[in-house]
Amino acid sequence: MIAMATKRLYRSPRGKIFGVCTGLAEWRDLPADPVRLIVFLVVLATGIFPGALIYLAAALVIPMNPGYESSSTIYREQETTQSDEELKAEYEQLKKKVEKMESEMFNKERDWDDRFREGQ
């Protein structure tokens, strides 16, 4: 017998309201926006109170995705791994790039040359 790997249903931290619709969409490999629309229409069709109560119960019962790392956690980990010297070198490199772009954009002589050539 072949064992099938199944996905578990989790709420998604990327969701809009409690992550229930996005979690359902990820669980079934569907786009999140149509799932949100369907849930919204079901809530309206059942009357606001029962549908919203079911949605809230789902948000309380379905667990949050444990394997998801937020971008702020990843950023903090990356931030702590760079030394001061590496950060200074990166800063200097970016500063040189910006200065080069500024000199190209704000070169007055080039601006006057371009204007003169347009007039001929």
Protein backbone atom coordinates (compact mmCIF):
# COMPACT_ATOMS: atom_id res chain seq x y z
CA MET A 1 0.00 0.00 0.00
CA ILE A 2 1.34 3.45 -0.90
CA ALA A 3 1.37 5.97 1.89
CA MET A 4 0.25 9.45 0.90
CA ALA A 5 1.70 12.52 2.48
CA THR A 6 -1.08 14.84 3.54
CA LYS A 7 -0.91 18.48 4.37
CA ARG A 8 -2.28 19.60 7.68
CA LEU A 9 -4.71 22.45 8.03
CA TYR A 10 -3.13 25.44 9.75
CA ARG A 11 -3.97 29.11 10.00
CA SER A 12 -1.56 31.20 7.98
CA PRO A 13 0.31 34.17 9.50
CA ARG A 14 0.07 35.83 6.09
CA GLY A 15 -3.72 35.94 6.32
CA LYS A 16 -5.82 39.08 6.60
CA ILE A 17 -8.16 38.21 9.49
CA PHE A 18 -6.91 35.38 11.73
CA GLY A 19 -5.40 33.59 8.67
CA VAL A 20 -8.23 31.07 8.32
CA CYS A 21 -8.98 31.65 4.62
CA THR A 22 -5.32 31.78 3.66
CA GLY A 23 -4.73 28.59 5.65
CA LEU A 24 -7.59 26.87 3.82
CA ALA A 25 -6.21 28.06 0.50
CA GLU A 26 -2.69 26.81 1.28
CA TRP A 27 -4.09 23.49 2.54
CA ARG A 28 -5.89 22.85 -0.76
CA ASP A 29 -3.38 24.65 -3.04
CA LEU A 30 -5.87 27.30 -4.09
CA PRO A 31 -5.47 31.06 -4.52
CA ALA A 32 -6.35 32.90 -1.31
CA ASP A 33 -8.51 35.69 -2.78
CA PRO A 34 -11.26 33.43 -4.21
CA VAL A 35 -11.36 31.49 -0.93
CA ARG A 36 -11.80 34.79 0.95
CA LEU A 37 -14.60 35.79 -1.43
CA ILE A 38 -16.39 32.45 -0.99
CA VAL A 39 -16.12 32.65 2.81
CA PHE A 40 -17.37 36.25 2.74
CA LEU A 41 -20.37 35.27 0.60
CA VAL A 42 -21.14 32.32 2.88
CA VAL A 43 -21.01 34.62 5.92
CA LEU A 44 -23.42 37.03 4.19
CA ALA A 45 -25.73 34.22 3.04
CA THR A 46 -26.00 32.67 6.50
CA GLY A 47 -26.58 35.99 8.13
CA ILE A 48 -23.67 37.84 9.66
CA PHE A 49 -23.89 36.35 13.14
CA PRO A 50 -23.81 32.56 12.47
CA GLY A 51 -21.18 32.80 9.72
CA ALA A 52 -18.93 35.10 11.74
CA LEU A 53 -19.32 32.85 14.78
CA ILE A 54 -18.27 29.79 12.74
CA TYR A 55 -15.30 31.74 11.34
CA LEU A 56 -14.25 32.79 14.85
CA ALA A 57 -14.59 29.21 16.09
CA ALA A 58 -12.40 28.04 13.20
CA ALA A 59 -9.83 30.68 14.13
CA LEU A 60 -9.79 29.38 17.71
CA VAL A 61 -9.71 25.67 16.80
CA ILE A 62 -7.28 25.63 13.85
CA PRO A 63 -3.68 25.97 15.08
CA MET A 64 -1.22 28.54 13.75
CA ASN A 65 1.36 27.17 11.30
CA PRO A 66 4.36 26.19 13.47
CA GLY A 67 6.84 25.96 10.58
CA TYR A 68 6.44 29.54 9.50
CA GLU A 69 9.19 32.00 10.38
CA SER A 70 8.28 35.63 10.23
CA SER A 71 10.43 37.97 8.20
CA SER A 72 11.30 39.95 11.32
CA THR A 73 12.81 36.81 12.91
CA ILE A 74 14.86 36.10 9.80
CA TYR A 75 16.00 39.74 9.69
CA ARG A 76 17.10 39.65 13.33
CA GLU A 77 19.08 36.45 12.74
CA GLN A 78 20.77 37.97 9.71
CA GLU A 79 21.47 41.17 11.61
CA THR A 80 23.32 39.39 14.39
CA THR A 81 25.51 37.32 12.06
CA GLN A 82 27.21 40.30 10.39
CA SER A 83 30.20 41.84 12.09
CA ASP A 84 30.77 45.57 12.39
CA GLU A 85 33.54 45.46 9.77
CA GLU A 86 31.25 43.73 7.28
CA LEU A 87 28.52 46.29 7.89
CA LYS A 88 30.97 49.19 7.46
CA ALA A 89 32.27 47.68 4.19
CA GLU A 90 28.72 47.21 2.90
CA TYR A 91 27.84 50.77 3.92
CA GLU A 92 30.87 52.17 2.08
CA GLN A 93 30.05 50.14 -1.02
CA LEU A 94 26.45 51.39 -1.03
CA LYS A 95 27.60 54.95 -0.38
CA LYS A 96 29.90 54.81 -3.44
CA LYS A 97 27.05 53.47 -5.59
CA VAL A 98 24.76 56.28 -4.47
CA GLU A 99 27.43 58.92 -5.08
CA LYS A 100 28.01 57.53 -8.58
CA MET A 101 24.29 57.62 -9.35
CA GLU A 102 24.01 61.16 -7.98
CA SER A 103 26.93 62.35 -10.06
CA GLU A 104 25.33 60.88 -13.18
CA MET A 105 21.93 62.37 -12.42
CA PHE A 106 23.01 65.80 -11.28
CA ASN A 107 25.96 66.49 -13.55
CA LYS A 108 25.33 70.12 -14.57
CA GLU A 109 27.78 70.11 -17.43
CA ARG A 110 26.12 67.07 -18.93
CA ASP A 111 22.74 68.72 -18.48
CA TRP A 112 23.86 71.84 -20.36
CA ASP A 113 25.47 69.72 -23.10
CA ASP A 114 22.25 67.76 -23.54
CA ARG A 115 20.21 70.97 -23.73
CA PHE A 116 22.61 72.46 -26.27
CA ARG A 117 22.44 69.35 -28.49
CA GLU A 118 18.63 69.38 -28.37
CA GLY A 119 18.59 72.96 -29.62
CA GLN A 120 20.66 72.24 -32.73
